[in-house]
């Protein structure tokens, strides 16, 4: 599976669980940690965890496993590291506080998933 298909699968997994304000940022030109940063929100702990679970479930079917996952039990901010893609799932309050979109503003925001 190529990276763009993986990004689309993650996007769709988030969307299936009604993730809020899904943002995809191409950071390949400004960072060596990954090529894409995906940021999404959930309304509560259960939804944030359900989004993370759905991403894991979808990618495991393709034999893709995260290198690292942090924050699952608290579910204020779950970080999932897929090496070339970093996924951040926030509750709304923590998302506003950390404002990753501002921190990665030099990256290219992907406006339409079909334009990836």
C-alpha atoms as a PDB file:
ATOM      1  CA  UNK A   1       0.000   0.000   0.000  1.00  0.00           C
ATOM      2  CA  UNK A   2       1.420   3.383  -0.933  1.00  0.00           C
ATOM      3  CA  UNK A   3       1.448   6.326   1.442  1.00  0.00           C
ATOM      4  CA  UNK A   4      -1.405   8.195  -0.246  1.00  0.00           C
ATOM      5  CA  UNK A   5      -3.676   5.161   0.023  1.00  0.00           C
ATOM      6  CA  UNK A   6      -2.725   4.849   3.679  1.00  0.00           C
ATOM      7  CA  UNK A   7      -3.595   8.522   4.293  1.00  0.00           C
ATOM      8  CA  UNK A   8      -6.958   7.998   2.571  1.00  0.00           C
ATOM      9  CA  UNK A   9      -7.652   4.882   4.654  1.00  0.00           C
ATOM     10  CA  UNK A  10      -6.887   6.793   7.861  1.00  0.00           C
ATOM     11  CA  UNK A  11      -9.056   9.709   6.741  1.00  0.00           C
ATOM     12  CA  UNK A  12     -11.950   7.358   5.966  1.00  0.00           C
ATOM     13  CA  UNK A  13     -11.557   5.541   9.294  1.00  0.00           C
ATOM     14  CA  UNK A  14     -11.777   8.876  11.114  1.00  0.00           C
ATOM     15  CA  UNK A  15     -14.736  10.001   9.021  1.00  0.00           C
ATOM     16  CA  UNK A  16     -16.610   6.740   9.684  1.00  0.00           C
ATOM     17  CA  UNK A  17     -16.533   7.542  13.407  1.00  0.00           C
ATOM     18  CA  UNK A  18     -17.654  11.123  12.743  1.00  0.00           C
ATOM     19  CA  UNK A  19     -14.304  12.717  13.546  1.00  0.00           C
ATOM     20  CA  UNK A  20     -14.449  16.497  13.705  1.00  0.00           C
ATOM     21  CA  UNK A  21     -12.491  18.851  11.439  1.00  0.00           C
ATOM     22  CA  UNK A  22     -10.118  16.309   9.878  1.00  0.00           C
ATOM     23  CA  UNK A  23      -6.978  18.100   8.735  1.00  0.00           C
ATOM     24  CA  UNK A  24      -4.255  16.552   6.584  1.00  0.00           C
ATOM     25  CA  UNK A  25      -0.961  18.420   6.358  1.00  0.00           C
ATOM     26  CA  UNK A  26       1.843  17.453   3.973  1.00  0.00           C
ATOM     27  CA  UNK A  27       4.958  18.029   6.067  1.00  0.00           C
ATOM     28  CA  UNK A  28       7.371  16.179   3.778  1.00  0.00           C
ATOM     29  CA  UNK A  29       9.052  19.411   2.695  1.00  0.00           C
ATOM     30  CA  UNK A  30       9.589  20.758   6.216  1.00  0.00           C
ATOM     31  CA  UNK A  31      10.231  17.744   8.444  1.00  0.00           C
ATOM     32  CA  UNK A  32      12.072  14.446   8.517  1.00  0.00           C
ATOM     33  CA  UNK A  33       9.790  12.862  11.129  1.00  0.00           C
ATOM     34  CA  UNK A  34       7.001  12.040   8.657  1.00  0.00           C
ATOM     35  CA  UNK A  35       5.465  12.942   5.319  1.00  0.00           C
ATOM     36  CA  UNK A  36       1.934  13.623   6.587  1.00  0.00           C
ATOM     37  CA  UNK A  37       0.359  14.883   9.786  1.00  0.00           C
ATOM     38  CA  UNK A  38      -3.318  14.068  10.300  1.00  0.00           C
ATOM     39  CA  UNK A  39      -5.240  15.937  12.993  1.00  0.00           C
ATOM     40  CA  UNK A  40      -8.830  15.225  14.014  1.00  0.00           C
ATOM     41  CA  UNK A  41     -11.151  15.772  16.931  1.00  0.00           C
ATOM     42  CA  UNK A  42     -13.781  13.923  18.872  1.00  0.00           C
ATOM     43  CA  UNK A  43     -16.483  15.131  21.235  1.00  0.00           C
ATOM     44  CA  UNK A  44     -15.549  12.913  24.178  1.00  0.00           C
ATOM     45  CA  UNK A  45     -13.174  10.221  25.417  1.00  0.00           C
ATOM     46  CA  UNK A  46     -15.257   7.384  23.963  1.00  0.00           C
ATOM     47  CA  UNK A  47     -15.351   8.927  20.497  1.00  0.00           C
ATOM     48  CA  UNK A  48     -11.625   9.740  20.513  1.00  0.00           C
ATOM     49  CA  UNK A  49     -10.857   6.119  21.451  1.00  0.00           C
ATOM     50  CA  UNK A  50     -13.348   4.792  18.875  1.00  0.00           C
ATOM     51  CA  UNK A  51     -11.607   6.793  16.152  1.00  0.00           C
ATOM     52  CA  UNK A  52      -8.213   5.381  17.173  1.00  0.00           C
ATOM     53  CA  UNK A  53      -9.651   1.865  17.330  1.00  0.00           C
ATOM     54  CA  UNK A  54     -11.164   2.202  13.861  1.00  0.00           C
ATOM     55  CA  UNK A  55      -7.887   3.417  12.370  1.00  0.00           C
ATOM     56  CA  UNK A  56      -6.053   0.486  13.943  1.00  0.00           C
ATOM     57  CA  UNK A  57      -8.693  -1.988  12.793  1.00  0.00           C
ATOM     58  CA  UNK A  58      -8.620  -0.756   9.174  1.00  0.00           C
ATOM     59  CA  UNK A  59      -4.835  -0.694   8.883  1.00  0.00           C
ATOM     60  CA  UNK A  60      -4.245  -4.035  10.620  1.00  0.00           C
ATOM     61  CA  UNK A  61      -6.298  -5.610   7.816  1.00  0.00           C
ATOM     62  CA  UNK A  62      -3.540  -4.313   5.504  1.00  0.00           C
ATOM     63  CA  UNK A  63      -0.831  -5.611   7.881  1.00  0.00           C
ATOM     64  CA  UNK A  64       0.052  -2.048   8.894  1.00  0.00           C
ATOM     65  CA  UNK A  65       0.737  -1.484  12.585  1.00  0.00           C
ATOM     66  CA  UNK A  66       1.648   1.738  14.381  1.00  0.00           C
ATOM     67  CA  UNK A  67       5.212   2.037  15.581  1.00  0.00           C
ATOM     68  CA  UNK A  68       3.954   3.768  18.698  1.00  0.00           C
ATOM     69  CA  UNK A  69       0.676   4.891  20.288  1.00  0.00           C
ATOM     70  CA  UNK A  70       0.430   7.355  23.176  1.00  0.00           C
ATOM     71  CA  UNK A  71      -2.429   8.750  25.220  1.00  0.00           C
ATOM     72  CA  UNK A  72      -5.044   6.077  24.571  1.00  0.00           C
ATOM     73  CA  UNK A  73      -6.144   5.556  28.171  1.00  0.00           C
ATOM     74  CA  UNK A  74      -6.657   9.271  28.897  1.00  0.00           C
ATOM     75  CA  UNK A  75      -7.931  10.013  25.354  1.00  0.00           C
ATOM     76  CA  UNK A  76      -7.394  13.753  25.553  1.00  0.00           C
ATOM     77  CA  UNK A  77      -4.820  13.431  22.787  1.00  0.00           C
ATOM     78  CA  UNK A  78      -4.040  10.104  21.138  1.00  0.00           C
ATOM     79  CA  UNK A  79      -0.910  10.094  19.007  1.00  0.00           C
ATOM     80  CA  UNK A  80      -0.437   7.235  16.551  1.00  0.00           C
ATOM     81  CA  UNK A  81       2.921   6.976  14.770  1.00  0.00           C
ATOM     82  CA  UNK A  82       2.811   5.141  11.448  1.00  0.00           C
ATOM     83  CA  UNK A  83       6.384   6.227  10.563  1.00  0.00           C
ATOM     84  CA  UNK A  84       5.516   8.235   7.456  1.00  0.00           C
ATOM     85  CA  UNK A  85       2.174   9.414   8.894  1.00  0.00           C
ATOM     86  CA  UNK A  86       1.568  10.877  12.339  1.00  0.00           C
ATOM     87  CA  UNK A  87      -2.077  10.773  13.472  1.00  0.00           C
ATOM     88  CA  UNK A  88      -3.301  13.062  16.269  1.00  0.00           C
ATOM     89  CA  UNK A  89      -6.800  12.607  17.663  1.00  0.00           C
ATOM     90  CA  UNK A  90      -7.903  15.175  20.221  1.00  0.00           C
ATOM     91  CA  UNK A  91     -10.849  16.018  22.378  1.00  0.00           C
ATOM     92  CA  UNK A  92     -11.982  19.515  21.427  1.00  0.00           C
ATOM     93  CA  UNK A  93     -10.471  21.292  24.452  1.00  0.00           C
ATOM     94  CA  UNK A  94      -6.998  19.788  24.027  1.00  0.00           C
ATOM     95  CA  UNK A  95      -7.062  20.400  20.284  1.00  0.00           C
ATOM     96  CA  UNK A  96      -7.635  24.105  20.836  1.00  0.00           C
ATOM     97  CA  UNK A  97      -4.937  24.212  23.515  1.00  0.00           C
ATOM     98  CA  UNK A  98      -2.189  22.482  21.500  1.00  0.00           C
ATOM     99  CA  UNK A  99      -3.181  24.020  18.129  1.00  0.00           C
ATOM    100  CA  UNK A 100      -1.022  21.719  16.003  1.00  0.00           C
ATOM    101  CA  UNK A 101      -2.316  23.320  12.824  1.00  0.00           C
ATOM    102  CA  UNK A 102      -0.556  26.529  13.870  1.00  0.00           C
ATOM    103  CA  UNK A 103       2.638  24.688  14.765  1.00  0.00           C
ATOM    104  CA  UNK A 104       2.701  22.976  11.352  1.00  0.00           C
ATOM    105  CA  UNK A 105       1.505  26.019   9.381  1.00  0.00           C
ATOM    106  CA  UNK A 106       4.491  25.804   7.033  1.00  0.00           C
ATOM    107  CA  UNK A 107       3.216  22.478   5.761  1.00  0.00           C
ATOM    108  CA  UNK A 108       0.761  22.171   2.886  1.00  0.00           C
ATOM    109  CA  UNK A 109      -2.824  21.603   4.028  1.00  0.00           C
ATOM    110  CA  UNK A 110      -4.583  19.085   1.782  1.00  0.00           C
ATOM    111  CA  UNK A 111      -7.991  20.639   1.140  1.00  0.00           C
ATOM    112  CA  UNK A 112      -9.581  17.657  -0.609  1.00  0.00           C
ATOM    113  CA  UNK A 113      -8.730  14.026   0.070  1.00  0.00           C
ATOM    114  CA  UNK A 114      -9.129  13.314  -3.652  1.00  0.00           C
ATOM    115  CA  UNK A 115      -6.370  15.851  -4.395  1.00  0.00           C
ATOM    116  CA  UNK A 116      -3.831  13.988  -2.323  1.00  0.00           C
END
